[in-house]
C-alpha atoms as a PDB file:
ATOM      1  CA  MET A   1      14.668 -15.896 -14.974  1.00  0.00           C
ATOM      2  CA  LEU A   2      16.995 -13.997 -17.381  1.00  0.00           C
ATOM      3  CA  PRO A   3      18.771 -14.930 -20.621  1.00  0.00           C
ATOM      4  CA  GLU A   4      22.525 -15.507 -20.494  1.00  0.00           C
ATOM      5  CA  ASP A   5      23.028 -12.097 -22.095  1.00  0.00           C
ATOM      6  CA  PRO A   6      20.257  -9.858 -20.696  1.00  0.00           C
ATOM      7  CA  GLY A   7      21.399  -6.851 -22.750  1.00  0.00           C
ATOM      8  CA  LEU A   8      23.190  -4.875 -20.034  1.00  0.00           C
ATOM      9  CA  PRO A   9      26.279  -2.721 -20.684  1.00  0.00           C
ATOM     10  CA  SER A  10      29.612  -4.566 -20.568  1.00  0.00           C
ATOM     11  CA  GLY A  11      30.629  -5.488 -17.030  1.00  0.00           C
ATOM     12  CA  TRP A  12      27.144  -4.942 -15.555  1.00  0.00           C
ATOM     13  CA  ALA A  13      25.306  -7.752 -13.779  1.00  0.00           C
ATOM     14  CA  ALA A  14      21.888  -8.608 -12.348  1.00  0.00           C
ATOM     15  CA  GLU A  15      21.552 -10.447  -9.037  1.00  0.00           C
ATOM     16  CA  ALA A  16      19.427 -10.876  -5.935  1.00  0.00           C
ATOM     17  CA  PRO A  17      20.306  -8.279  -3.268  1.00  0.00           C
ATOM     18  CA  ASP A  18      21.392  -9.131   0.268  1.00  0.00           C
ATOM     19  CA  GLY A  19      18.687  -7.588   2.428  1.00  0.00           C
ATOM     20  CA  THR A  20      20.833  -8.019   5.556  1.00  0.00           C
ATOM     21  CA  ASP A  21      23.584  -5.760   4.156  1.00  0.00           C
ATOM     22  CA  GLU A  22      23.125  -2.251   5.563  1.00  0.00           C
ATOM     23  CA  ALA A  23      24.947  -0.715   2.589  1.00  0.00           C
ATOM     24  CA  VAL A  24      22.546  -2.420   0.181  1.00  0.00           C
ATOM     25  CA  VAL A  25      19.498  -1.213   2.102  1.00  0.00           C
ATOM     26  CA  ALA A  26      20.928   2.317   2.245  1.00  0.00           C
ATOM     27  CA  ARG A  27      21.583   2.342  -1.512  1.00  0.00           C
ATOM     28  CA  LEU A  28      18.107   1.049  -2.358  1.00  0.00           C
ATOM     29  CA  THR A  29      16.621   3.737  -0.117  1.00  0.00           C
ATOM     30  CA  GLU A  30      18.710   6.362  -1.918  1.00  0.00           C
ATOM     31  CA  LEU A  31      17.471   5.128  -5.305  1.00  0.00           C
ATOM     32  CA  LEU A  32      13.846   5.066  -4.176  1.00  0.00           C
ATOM     33  CA  ARG A  33      13.998   8.553  -2.669  1.00  0.00           C
ATOM     34  CA  ALA A  34      15.593   9.986  -5.815  1.00  0.00           C
ATOM     35  CA  HIS A  35      12.873   8.320  -7.888  1.00  0.00           C
ATOM     36  CA  GLU A  36      10.205   9.993  -5.709  1.00  0.00           C
ATOM     37  CA  ARG A  37      11.878  13.423  -5.838  1.00  0.00           C
ATOM     38  CA  VAL A  38      11.999  13.479  -9.627  1.00  0.00           C
ATOM     39  CA  ALA A  39       8.586  11.913 -10.249  1.00  0.00           C
ATOM     40  CA  ARG A  40       6.560  13.537  -7.468  1.00  0.00           C
ATOM     41  CA  GLY A  41       8.561  16.513  -6.239  1.00  0.00           C
ATOM     42  CA  TRP A  42       9.670  15.240  -2.837  1.00  0.00           C
ATOM     43  CA  ALA A  43      10.947  12.067  -1.187  1.00  0.00           C
ATOM     44  CA  GLY A  44       9.061  10.223   1.531  1.00  0.00           C
ATOM     45  CA  ALA A  45      10.534   6.708   1.572  1.00  0.00           C
ATOM     46  CA  SER A  46      12.673   5.437   4.441  1.00  0.00           C
ATOM     47  CA  GLU A  47      14.860   2.411   5.040  1.00  0.00           C
ATOM     48  CA  ASP A  48      11.899   0.807   6.803  1.00  0.00           C
ATOM     49  CA  ASP A  49       9.957   0.940   3.532  1.00  0.00           C
ATOM     50  CA  VAL A  50      12.811  -0.813   1.732  1.00  0.00           C
ATOM     51  CA  LEU A  51      13.108  -3.461   4.443  1.00  0.00           C
ATOM     52  CA  VAL A  52       9.459  -4.377   3.864  1.00  0.00           C
ATOM     53  CA  GLU A  53      10.602  -5.564   0.429  1.00  0.00           C
ATOM     54  CA  VAL A  54      14.043  -7.075   1.077  1.00  0.00           C
ATOM     55  CA  SER A  55      14.128  -8.282   4.702  1.00  0.00           C
ATOM     56  CA  GLU A  56      13.829 -11.961   5.592  1.00  0.00           C
ATOM     57  CA  ARG A  57      10.214 -11.433   6.661  1.00  0.00           C
ATOM     58  CA  GLY A  58       9.385  -9.565   3.462  1.00  0.00           C
ATOM     59  CA  LEU A  59      10.857 -12.339   1.334  1.00  0.00           C
ATOM     60  CA  ALA A  60       8.155 -14.718   2.558  1.00  0.00           C
ATOM     61  CA  MET A  61       5.980 -13.299  -0.251  1.00  0.00           C
ATOM     62  CA  ARG A  62       8.530 -11.394  -2.385  1.00  0.00           C
ATOM     63  CA  GLU A  63      11.547 -11.663  -4.680  1.00  0.00           C
ATOM     64  CA  ASN A  64      14.025  -8.897  -5.556  1.00  0.00           C
ATOM     65  CA  LEU A  65      16.541  -8.152  -8.295  1.00  0.00           C
ATOM     66  CA  VAL A  66      19.195  -5.429  -8.543  1.00  0.00           C
ATOM     67  CA  VAL A  67      21.386  -4.357 -11.448  1.00  0.00           C
ATOM     68  CA  ARG A  68      24.982  -3.418 -10.634  1.00  0.00           C
ATOM     69  CA  ASP A  69      27.327  -1.434 -12.900  1.00  0.00           C
ATOM     70  CA  GLU A  70      30.941  -2.369 -13.643  1.00  0.00           C
ATOM     71  CA  ALA A  71      32.025  -0.768 -10.359  1.00  0.00           C
ATOM     72  CA  GLY A  72      29.495  -2.776  -8.343  1.00  0.00           C
ATOM     73  CA  GLU A  73      27.146   0.163  -7.691  1.00  0.00           C
ATOM     74  CA  ILE A  74      23.428  -0.697  -7.656  1.00  0.00           C
ATOM     75  CA  ARG A  75      21.759   1.237 -10.478  1.00  0.00           C
ATOM     76  CA  ALA A  76      18.284  -0.378 -10.641  1.00  0.00           C
ATOM     77  CA  TRP A  77      15.984  -2.406  -8.400  1.00  0.00           C
ATOM     78  CA  GLY A  78      12.893  -4.521  -8.976  1.00  0.00           C
ATOM     79  CA  SER A  79      10.672  -6.195  -6.396  1.00  0.00           C
ATOM     80  CA  VAL A  80       7.666  -8.484  -6.891  1.00  0.00           C
ATOM     81  CA  HIS A  81       5.081  -9.278  -4.225  1.00  0.00           C
ATOM     82  CA  ASP A  82       2.626 -12.181  -4.428  1.00  0.00           C
ATOM     83  CA  ARG A  83      -0.134  -9.981  -3.034  1.00  0.00           C
ATOM     84  CA  ALA A  84      -3.148 -12.265  -3.546  1.00  0.00           C
ATOM     85  CA  ALA A  85      -4.386 -14.915  -5.952  1.00  0.00           C
ATOM     86  CA  GLY A  86      -4.010 -13.499  -9.460  1.00  0.00           C
ATOM     87  CA  ARG A  87      -2.432 -10.202  -8.361  1.00  0.00           C
ATOM     88  CA  MET A  88       1.336  -9.605  -8.197  1.00  0.00           C
ATOM     89  CA  LEU A  89       2.592  -6.164  -7.173  1.00  0.00           C
ATOM     90  CA  TYR A  90       5.728  -4.847  -8.825  1.00  0.00           C
ATOM     91  CA  VAL A  91       8.225  -2.124  -7.841  1.00  0.00           C
ATOM     92  CA  HIS A  92      10.367  -0.754 -10.703  1.00  0.00           C
ATOM     93  CA  VAL A  93      13.117   1.754  -9.842  1.00  0.00           C
ATOM     94  CA  VAL A  94      15.957   2.857 -12.138  1.00  0.00           C
ATOM     95  CA  ASP A  95      18.675   5.333 -11.162  1.00  0.00           C
ATOM     96  CA  ARG A  96      17.567   8.798 -12.231  1.00  0.00           C
ATOM     97  CA  ASP A  97      21.162   9.792 -13.028  1.00  0.00           C
ATOM     98  CA  LEU A  98      21.689   7.087 -15.649  1.00  0.00           C
ATOM     99  CA  PRO A  99      21.879   8.201 -19.303  1.00  0.00           C
ATOM    100  CA  GLY A 100      19.067   7.046 -21.571  1.00  0.00           C
ATOM    101  CA  PRO A 101      20.506   3.858 -23.151  1.00  0.00           C
ATOM    102  CA  ALA A 102      21.846   2.436 -19.878  1.00  0.00           C
ATOM    103  CA  ALA A 103      18.625   3.332 -18.048  1.00  0.00           C
ATOM    104  CA  SER A 104      16.492   1.653 -20.715  1.00  0.00           C
ATOM    105  CA  ALA A 105      18.676  -1.462 -20.621  1.00  0.00           C
ATOM    106  CA  CYS A 106      18.175  -1.704 -16.849  1.00  0.00           C
ATOM    107  CA  SER A 107      14.435  -1.173 -17.266  1.00  0.00           C
ATOM    108  CA  ASP A 108      14.192  -3.954 -19.861  1.00  0.00           C
ATOM    109  CA  VAL A 109      16.030  -6.410 -17.598  1.00  0.00           C
ATOM    110  CA  LEU A 110      13.706  -5.630 -14.673  1.00  0.00           C
ATOM    111  CA  PHE A 111      10.596  -6.097 -16.831  1.00  0.00           C
ATOM    112  CA  THR A 112      11.880  -9.382 -18.304  1.00  0.00           C
ATOM    113  CA  TRP A 113      12.577 -10.690 -14.805  1.00  0.00           C
ATOM    114  CA  ALA A 114       9.191  -9.485 -13.480  1.00  0.00           C
ATOM    115  CA  GLU A 115       7.313 -11.237 -16.278  1.00  0.00           C
ATOM    116  CA  ALA A 116       9.197 -14.465 -15.541  1.00  0.00           C
ATOM    117  CA  GLN A 117       8.325 -14.059 -11.866  1.00  0.00           C
ATOM    118  CA  ALA A 118       4.679 -13.581 -12.835  1.00  0.00           C
ATOM    119  CA  ARG A 119       4.707 -16.932 -14.639  1.00  0.00           C
ATOM    120  CA  GLU A 120       6.253 -18.603 -11.570  1.00  0.00           C
ATOM    121  CA  VAL A 121       3.769 -16.989  -9.172  1.00  0.00           C
ATOM    122  CA  GLY A 122       0.842 -17.743 -11.451  1.00  0.00           C
ATOM    123  CA  ALA A 123       1.867 -21.387 -11.812  1.00  0.00           C
ATOM    124  CA  ALA A 124       2.204 -21.756  -8.030  1.00  0.00           C
ATOM    125  CA  ARG A 125      -1.273 -20.270  -7.616  1.00  0.00           C
ATOM    126  CA  GLY A 126      -2.771 -22.470 -10.344  1.00  0.00           C
ATOM    127  CA  ARG A 127      -3.582 -19.506 -12.581  1.00  0.00           C
ATOM    128  CA  ALA A 128      -3.816 -19.437 -16.358  1.00  0.00           C
ATOM    129  CA  VAL A 129      -3.115 -15.692 -16.381  1.00  0.00           C
ATOM    130  CA  GLN A 130      -1.183 -13.670 -13.801  1.00  0.00           C
ATOM    131  CA  GLN A 131      -1.672  -9.932 -13.419  1.00  0.00           C
ATOM    132  CA  ILE A 132       1.282  -7.631 -12.779  1.00  0.00           C
ATOM    133  CA  ASP A 133       0.103  -4.530 -10.908  1.00  0.00           C
ATOM    134  CA  THR A 134       2.511  -1.608 -10.706  1.00  0.00           C
ATOM    135  CA  GLY A 135       2.157   2.088  -9.963  1.00  0.00           C
ATOM    136  CA  ALA A 136       3.472   5.360 -11.320  1.00  0.00           C
ATOM    137  CA  PHE A 137       3.230   8.997 -10.360  1.00  0.00           C
ATOM    138  CA  GLN A 138       0.931  10.972 -12.647  1.00  0.00           C
ATOM    139  CA  ASP A 139       3.679  13.169 -14.122  1.00  0.00           C
ATOM    140  CA  ASP A 140       6.432  10.542 -14.484  1.00  0.00           C
ATOM    141  CA  GLU A 141       6.743  10.482 -18.267  1.00  0.00           C
ATOM    142  CA  ARG A 142       9.863   8.276 -18.270  1.00  0.00           C
ATOM    143  CA  GLN A 143       8.060   5.565 -16.321  1.00  0.00           C
ATOM    144  CA  HIS A 144       4.936   5.909 -18.478  1.00  0.00           C
ATOM    145  CA  GLY A 145       6.976   5.398 -21.642  1.00  0.00           C
ATOM    146  CA  TRP A 146       8.649   2.277 -20.316  1.00  0.00           C
ATOM    147  CA  LEU A 147       5.347   0.809 -19.113  1.00  0.00           C
ATOM    148  CA  GLU A 148       3.604   1.426 -22.431  1.00  0.00           C
ATOM    149  CA  GLY A 149       6.581  -0.048 -24.286  1.00  0.00           C
ATOM    150  CA  ARG A 150       6.258  -3.308 -22.328  1.00  0.00           C
ATOM    151  CA  GLY A 151       2.530  -3.648 -22.898  1.00  0.00           C
ATOM    152  CA  PHE A 152       1.191  -2.281 -19.618  1.00  0.00           C
ATOM    153  CA  GLU A 153      -2.092  -0.360 -19.611  1.00  0.00           C
ATOM    154  CA  ARG A 154      -3.011   2.590 -17.418  1.00  0.00           C
ATOM    155  CA  VAL A 155      -6.153   1.325 -15.672  1.00  0.00           C
ATOM    156  CA  ARG A 156      -6.874   3.566 -12.694  1.00  0.00           C
ATOM    157  CA  THR A 157      -6.137   6.934 -11.093  1.00  0.00           C
ATOM    158  CA  TRP A 158      -5.786   7.453  -7.338  1.00  0.00           C
ATOM    159  CA  TRP A 159      -5.987  10.680  -5.372  1.00  0.00           C
ATOM    160  CA  GLN A 160      -3.580  10.825  -2.446  1.00  0.00           C
ATOM    161  CA  MET A 161      -5.383  13.099   0.007  1.00  0.00           C
ATOM    162  CA  THR A 162      -4.526  14.737   3.331  1.00  0.00           C
ATOM    163  CA  ARG A 163      -6.566  16.581   5.929  1.00  0.00           C
ATOM    164  CA  PRO A 164      -5.150  18.908   8.595  1.00  0.00           C
ATOM    165  CA  VAL A 165      -5.965  18.052  12.205  1.00  0.00           C
ATOM    166  CA  SER A 166      -6.299  20.588  15.002  1.00  0.00           C
ATOM    167  CA  ALA A 167      -5.906  19.885  18.713  1.00  0.00           C
ATOM    168  CA  GLY A 168      -9.543  20.798  19.365  1.00  0.00           C
ATOM    169  CA  GLU A 169     -10.736  17.917  17.202  1.00  0.00           C
ATOM    170  CA  ALA A 170      -9.830  15.496  19.975  1.00  0.00           C
ATOM    171  CA  GLY A 171     -13.407  16.144  21.102  1.00  0.00           C
ATOM    172  CA  LEU A 172     -14.900  15.223  17.741  1.00  0.00           C
ATOM    173  CA  VAL A 173     -16.112  11.949  19.299  1.00  0.00           C
ATOM    174  CA  PRO A 174     -16.710  11.169  22.995  1.00  0.00           C
ATOM    175  CA  ASP A 175     -13.828   8.649  23.132  1.00  0.00           C
ATOM    176  CA  PRO A 176     -11.909   7.136  20.176  1.00  0.00           C
ATOM    177  CA  VAL A 177     -11.609   3.897  22.129  1.00  0.00           C
ATOM    178  CA  ASP A 178     -15.360   3.248  22.346  1.00  0.00           C
ATOM    179  CA  TRP A 179     -18.432   5.368  21.563  1.00  0.00           C
ATOM    180  CA  GLU A 180     -21.940   5.048  20.115  1.00  0.00           C
ATOM    181  CA  ARG A 181     -24.251   7.030  17.845  1.00  0.00           C
ATOM    182  CA  GLY A 182     -27.542   6.203  16.136  1.00  0.00           C
ATOM    183  CA  GLY A 183     -27.492   2.525  16.990  1.00  0.00           C
ATOM    184  CA  VAL A 184     -23.884   2.072  15.864  1.00  0.00           C
ATOM    185  CA  ARG A 185     -20.952   1.370  18.161  1.00  0.00           C
ATOM    186  CA  PHE A 186     -17.434   2.405  17.196  1.00  0.00           C
ATOM    187  CA  ARG A 187     -14.597   0.739  19.088  1.00  0.00           C
ATOM    188  CA  ARG A 188     -10.984  -0.315  18.866  1.00  0.00           C
ATOM    189  CA  VAL A 189     -10.340  -3.995  18.361  1.00  0.00           C
ATOM    190  CA  GLY A 190     -10.197  -5.755  21.707  1.00  0.00           C
ATOM    191  CA  THR A 191      -7.104  -7.037  23.502  1.00  0.00           C
ATOM    192  CA  ALA A 192      -6.606 -10.679  24.502  1.00  0.00           C
ATOM    193  CA  PRO A 193      -5.196 -11.683  27.917  1.00  0.00           C
ATOM    194  CA  ASP A 194      -1.704 -12.059  26.396  1.00  0.00           C
ATOM    195  CA  GLY A 195      -1.727  -8.409  25.292  1.00  0.00           C
ATOM    196  CA  MET A 196      -2.199  -9.211  21.618  1.00  0.00           C
ATOM    197  CA  PRO A 197      -5.323  -8.102  19.730  1.00  0.00           C
ATOM    198  CA  ASP A 198      -8.398 -10.279  19.997  1.00  0.00           C
ATOM    199  CA  GLU A 199      -8.332 -12.698  17.060  1.00  0.00           C
ATOM    200  CA  GLN A 200     -12.108 -12.720  16.727  1.00  0.00           C
ATOM    201  CA  ASP A 201     -12.058  -8.946  16.271  1.00  0.00           C
ATOM    202  CA  LEU A 202      -9.249  -9.178  13.712  1.00  0.00           C
ATOM    203  CA  ARG A 203     -11.235 -11.766  11.772  1.00  0.00           C
ATOM    204  CA  ALA A 204     -14.258  -9.467  11.917  1.00  0.00           C
ATOM    205  CA  VAL A 205     -12.169  -6.657  10.401  1.00  0.00           C
ATOM    206  CA  HIS A 206     -10.955  -8.981   7.651  1.00  0.00           C
ATOM    207  CA  ASP A 207     -14.459 -10.257   6.908  1.00  0.00           C
ATOM    208  CA  VAL A 208     -15.911  -6.741   6.734  1.00  0.00           C
ATOM    209  CA  LEU A 209     -13.194  -5.493   4.379  1.00  0.00           C
ATOM    210  CA  GLU A 210     -13.484  -8.571   2.150  1.00  0.00           C
ATOM    211  CA  GLY A 211     -17.239  -8.052   1.960  1.00  0.00           C
ATOM    212  CA  ALA A 212     -17.070  -4.291   1.470  1.00  0.00           C
ATOM    213  CA  PHE A 213     -14.557  -4.451  -1.399  1.00  0.00           C
ATOM    214  CA  THR A 214     -15.986  -7.395  -3.334  1.00  0.00           C
ATOM    215  CA  ASP A 215     -17.260  -5.163  -6.153  1.00  0.00           C
ATOM    216  CA  HIS A 216     -14.415  -2.637  -6.052  1.00  0.00           C
ATOM    217  CA  PHE A 217     -11.766  -2.205  -8.726  1.00  0.00           C
ATOM    218  CA  ASN A 218      -9.202  -5.037  -8.891  1.00  0.00           C
ATOM    219  CA  SER A 219     -10.420  -6.648  -5.694  1.00  0.00           C
ATOM    220  CA  ALA A 220      -8.676  -9.984  -5.071  1.00  0.00           C
ATOM    221  CA  GLU A 221      -9.633 -12.385  -2.309  1.00  0.00           C
ATOM    222  CA  GLU A 222      -7.003 -12.556   0.415  1.00  0.00           C
ATOM    223  CA  THR A 223      -6.878 -15.119   3.204  1.00  0.00           C
ATOM    224  CA  PHE A 224      -6.891 -13.991   6.814  1.00  0.00           C
ATOM    225  CA  ASP A 225      -3.273 -15.064   7.308  1.00  0.00           C
ATOM    226  CA  GLU A 226      -2.140 -13.223   4.154  1.00  0.00           C
ATOM    227  CA  PHE A 227      -4.016 -10.119   5.289  1.00  0.00           C
ATOM    228  CA  ILE A 228      -2.501 -10.066   8.784  1.00  0.00           C
ATOM    229  CA  HIS A 229       1.023 -10.839   7.571  1.00  0.00           C
ATOM    230  CA  ARG A 230       0.914  -8.053   4.983  1.00  0.00           C
ATOM    231  CA  LEU A 231      -0.481  -5.373   7.293  1.00  0.00           C
ATOM    232  CA  GLU A 232       1.954  -6.218  10.083  1.00  0.00           C
ATOM    233  CA  GLU A 233       4.786  -5.506   7.610  1.00  0.00           C
ATOM    234  CA  ASP A 234       3.778  -1.845   7.256  1.00  0.00           C
ATOM    235  CA  PRO A 235       6.358   0.335   9.080  1.00  0.00           C
ATOM    236  CA  GLY A 236       3.469   2.381  10.488  1.00  0.00           C
ATOM    237  CA  HIS A 237       1.502  -0.638  11.744  1.00  0.00           C
ATOM    238  CA  ARG A 238      -0.122  -0.186  15.165  1.00  0.00           C
ATOM    239  CA  TRP A 239      -2.740  -2.555  16.612  1.00  0.00           C
ATOM    240  CA  ASP A 240      -4.379   0.336  18.468  1.00  0.00           C
ATOM    241  CA  HIS A 241      -5.231   1.942  15.091  1.00  0.00           C
ATOM    242  CA  TRP A 242      -7.728  -0.775  14.130  1.00  0.00           C
ATOM    243  CA  TRP A 243     -11.413   0.037  14.672  1.00  0.00           C
ATOM    244  CA  LEU A 244     -14.682  -1.844  14.230  1.00  0.00           C
ATOM    245  CA  ALA A 245     -18.174  -0.434  13.746  1.00  0.00           C
ATOM    246  CA  GLU A 246     -21.058  -2.589  14.988  1.00  0.00           C
ATOM    247  CA  LEU A 247     -24.818  -2.354  14.490  1.00  0.00           C
ATOM    248  CA  LEU A 248     -26.686  -2.619  17.777  1.00  0.00           C
ATOM    249  CA  ASP A 249     -30.104  -3.383  16.287  1.00  0.00           C
ATOM    250  CA  GLY A 250     -30.265  -6.988  17.478  1.00  0.00           C
ATOM    251  CA  ASP A 251     -29.398  -8.973  20.572  1.00  0.00           C
ATOM    252  CA  VAL A 252     -25.790  -9.388  19.429  1.00  0.00           C
ATOM    253  CA  PRO A 253     -23.626  -6.564  17.947  1.00  0.00           C
ATOM    254  CA  GLU A 254     -23.080  -7.113  14.221  1.00  0.00           C
ATOM    255  CA  ALA A 255     -19.815  -5.950  12.627  1.00  0.00           C
ATOM    256  CA  CYS A 256     -20.661  -3.661   9.715  1.00  0.00           C
ATOM    257  CA  GLY A 257     -17.638  -1.416   9.212  1.00  0.00           C
ATOM    258  CA  ALA A 258     -13.888  -1.385   9.783  1.00  0.00           C
ATOM    259  CA  LEU A 259     -11.016   1.078   9.616  1.00  0.00           C
ATOM    260  CA  VAL A 260      -7.362   0.070   9.669  1.00  0.00           C
ATOM    261  CA  GLY A 261      -5.088   3.004  10.396  1.00  0.00           C
ATOM    262  CA  THR A 262      -1.330   3.390  10.481  1.00  0.00           C
ATOM    263  CA  VAL A 263       1.181   5.996  11.658  1.00  0.00           C
ATOM    264  CA  SER A 264       2.954   8.161   9.075  1.00  0.00           C
ATOM    265  CA  GLU A 265       6.248   9.022  10.730  1.00  0.00           C
ATOM    266  CA  SER A 266       7.761  12.434  10.003  1.00  0.00           C
ATOM    267  CA  ALA A 267      11.395  13.442  10.368  1.00  0.00           C
ATOM    268  CA  SER A 268      10.612  17.171  10.399  1.00  0.00           C
ATOM    269  CA  GLY A 269       7.430  17.554  12.469  1.00  0.00           C
ATOM    270  CA  PRO A 270       4.593  15.724  14.173  1.00  0.00           C
ATOM    271  CA  ASP A 271       3.692  12.264  12.914  1.00  0.00           C
ATOM    272  CA  GLY A 272       0.457  11.808  10.983  1.00  0.00           C
ATOM    273  CA  SER A 273      -2.216   9.138  10.847  1.00  0.00           C
ATOM    274  CA  TYR A 274      -3.156   7.283   7.677  1.00  0.00           C
ATOM    275  CA  VAL A 275      -6.340   5.453   6.672  1.00  0.00           C
ATOM    276  CA  ALA A 276      -5.005   2.258   5.117  1.00  0.00           C
ATOM    277  CA  TYR A 277      -8.457   0.654   4.814  1.00  0.00           C
ATOM    278  CA  LEU A 278     -12.013   1.847   5.342  1.00  0.00           C
ATOM    279  CA  GLY A 279     -14.889  -0.454   4.474  1.00  0.00           C
ATOM    280  CA  VAL A 280     -18.626  -0.510   5.201  1.00  0.00           C
ATOM    281  CA  LEU A 281     -20.932  -3.391   4.331  1.00  0.00           C
ATOM    282  CA  GLY A 282     -23.774  -2.539   1.975  1.00  0.00           C
ATOM    283  CA  SER A 283     -26.360  -3.440   4.590  1.00  0.00           C
ATOM    284  CA  ALA A 284     -25.136  -0.596   6.832  1.00  0.00           C
ATOM    285  CA  ARG A 285     -24.606   2.173   4.298  1.00  0.00           C
ATOM    286  CA  GLY A 286     -26.532   5.351   4.940  1.00  0.00           C
ATOM    287  CA  ARG A 287     -26.186   5.076   8.726  1.00  0.00           C
ATOM    288  CA  GLY A 288     -23.119   7.275   9.115  1.00  0.00           C
ATOM    289  CA  VAL A 289     -20.720   4.388   9.637  1.00  0.00           C
ATOM    290  CA  ALA A 290     -17.949   5.709   7.366  1.00  0.00           C
ATOM    291  CA  THR A 291     -18.283   9.217   8.792  1.00  0.00           C
ATOM    292  CA  GLY A 292     -18.166   7.866  12.335  1.00  0.00           C
ATOM    293  CA  LEU A 293     -15.020   5.840  11.661  1.00  0.00           C
ATOM    294  CA  LEU A 294     -13.331   8.831  10.029  1.00  0.00           C
ATOM    295  CA  HIS A 295     -14.266  11.078  12.953  1.00  0.00           C
ATOM    296  CA  THR A 296     -12.757   8.430  15.244  1.00  0.00           C
ATOM    297  CA  ILE A 297      -9.339   8.380  13.580  1.00  0.00           C
ATOM    298  CA  ILE A 298      -9.321  12.202  13.360  1.00  0.00           C
ATOM    299  CA  ALA A 299     -10.083  12.496  17.082  1.00  0.00           C
ATOM    300  CA  ASP A 300      -7.451   9.879  17.878  1.00  0.00           C
ATOM    301  CA  ALA A 301      -4.875  11.753  15.790  1.00  0.00           C
ATOM    302  CA  ALA A 302      -5.679  15.030  17.540  1.00  0.00           C
ATOM    303  CA  ALA A 303      -5.421  13.406  20.966  1.00  0.00           C
ATOM    304  CA  SER A 304      -2.026  11.962  19.944  1.00  0.00           C
ATOM    305  CA  GLY A 305      -0.640  15.343  18.880  1.00  0.00           C
ATOM    306  CA  ARG A 306      -0.680  14.601  15.161  1.00  0.00           C
ATOM    307  CA  ASP A 307      -1.347  17.279  12.573  1.00  0.00           C
ATOM    308  CA  LEU A 308      -2.864  15.394   9.617  1.00  0.00           C
ATOM    309  CA  VAL A 309      -4.695  12.299   8.422  1.00  0.00           C
ATOM    310  CA  GLY A 310      -3.941  10.916   4.978  1.00  0.00           C
ATOM    311  CA  LEU A 311      -5.732   8.438   2.719  1.00  0.00           C
ATOM    312  CA  GLU A 312      -5.967   7.181  -0.854  1.00  0.00           C
ATOM    313  CA  VAL A 313      -9.181   7.195  -2.868  1.00  0.00           C
ATOM    314  CA  ASP A 314     -10.111   5.758  -6.250  1.00  0.00           C
ATOM    315  CA  ALA A 315     -10.854   8.702  -8.533  1.00  0.00           C
ATOM    316  CA  ASP A 316     -13.538   6.555 -10.186  1.00  0.00           C
ATOM    317  CA  SER A 317     -14.960   5.051  -6.987  1.00  0.00           C
ATOM    318  CA  PRO A 318     -18.493   3.759  -7.573  1.00  0.00           C
ATOM    319  CA  THR A 319     -19.442   4.740  -4.011  1.00  0.00           C
ATOM    320  CA  GLY A 320     -18.498   8.401  -4.505  1.00  0.00           C
ATOM    321  CA  ALA A 321     -16.136   8.163  -1.540  1.00  0.00           C
ATOM    322  CA  HIS A 322     -14.087  11.140  -2.719  1.00  0.00           C
ATOM    323  CA  GLY A 323     -17.157  13.339  -2.223  1.00  0.00           C
ATOM    324  CA  LEU A 324     -17.360  12.312   1.429  1.00  0.00           C
ATOM    325  CA  TYR A 325     -13.658  12.936   1.968  1.00  0.00           C
ATOM    326  CA  THR A 326     -13.759  16.347   0.290  1.00  0.00           C
ATOM    327  CA  SER A 327     -16.773  17.374   2.369  1.00  0.00           C
ATOM    328  CA  MET A 328     -14.849  16.439   5.514  1.00  0.00           C
ATOM    329  CA  GLY A 329     -11.806  18.542   4.646  1.00  0.00           C
ATOM    330  CA  TRP A 330      -9.526  16.228   2.681  1.00  0.00           C
ATOM    331  CA  GLN A 331      -7.655  17.715  -0.283  1.00  0.00           C
ATOM    332  CA  THR A 332      -5.632  15.989  -3.012  1.00  0.00           C
ATOM    333  CA  ARG A 333      -1.891  16.368  -2.485  1.00  0.00           C
ATOM    334  CA  TYR A 334      -0.689  14.312  -5.461  1.00  0.00           C
ATOM    335  CA  VAL A 335      -1.957  11.707  -7.930  1.00  0.00           C
ATOM    336  CA  THR A 336      -0.809   8.163  -8.695  1.00  0.00           C
ATOM    337  CA  GLU A 337      -1.812   5.630 -11.319  1.00  0.00           C
ATOM    338  CA  SER A 338      -2.212   1.860 -11.541  1.00  0.00           C
ATOM    339  CA  TRP A 339      -0.740   0.120 -14.596  1.00  0.00           C
ATOM    340  CA  HIS A 340      -1.515  -3.534 -15.322  1.00  0.00           C
ATOM    341  CA  LYS A 341      -0.249  -6.276 -17.601  1.00  0.00           C
ATOM    342  CA  ASP A 342      -1.677  -9.785 -17.849  1.00  0.00           C
ATOM    343  CA  VAL A 343       0.973 -12.473 -18.335  1.00  0.00           C
ATOM    344  CA  ARG A 344      -0.068 -15.851 -19.707  1.00  0.00           C
ATOM    345  CA  VAL A 345       1.220 -18.551 -17.386  1.00  0.00           C
END
């Protein structure tokens, strides 16, 4: 993946990290948290977030590279994730304490490796062109400069929004487990006899989200197995935070909306809830499905003693979703960006 001399300072080396080594995981977490503090103003990452990338389970769809200095200290980390056909996610973290030349050398090595990974992933997927999709905080000028220098383009802006939750909002809906309004039923995904979620319900969630996001920015088709594997990796994953909305117009309920929630764990206060996915099929829009699903997760959060619900919204969403969220009390806490580069396979 790299030339014999990748351009690192004398005595430095690039290698795959050992995700089973606690010291490695701790160091990567330290690097990631420092990156967040400088670029955003505070750190939120945990070792669980790092393990999603470097653990044995994470490596089913990922590869990682670290750069070590002459003393063996990890100074940079890259991770690629074969997210879906034609779309490879990329994490790019360089020690914030490194001086400019050494930091830039690490950055160049990570980009060279990521582009080689993109060609490998694209070839395995039968693609002529493979997209690299990476993110940056809005005010991270160092990262912006590196991305522009390697031919990435800033393609989208995302508002990271939060909404406070009060205890009284537990009564916002009759019961977050199962309730109805205006010919629409809102319910948690069912449970099979073995205690696991009902597969038919999970497939309904997947089908709704695939259908709802077909025309959205950078939508890439994802198989059911890819979808389930990826969402189970989230440190905040909880099966009881998956909801379906169903139209009751006919003889058989018809799935028309879905919300996948997670738990945002907090070390200093109550946990929060997070809307990882919210989708409504076009045939059901205008019937209060999105509002009903949002009221459901808010009520569930309140009943669970949580103090906020977070979500991400496309600043250029064609559905005007940000208007709905703002009207319901969400406010932007910080802003992120998507940067893309197409690599010819």
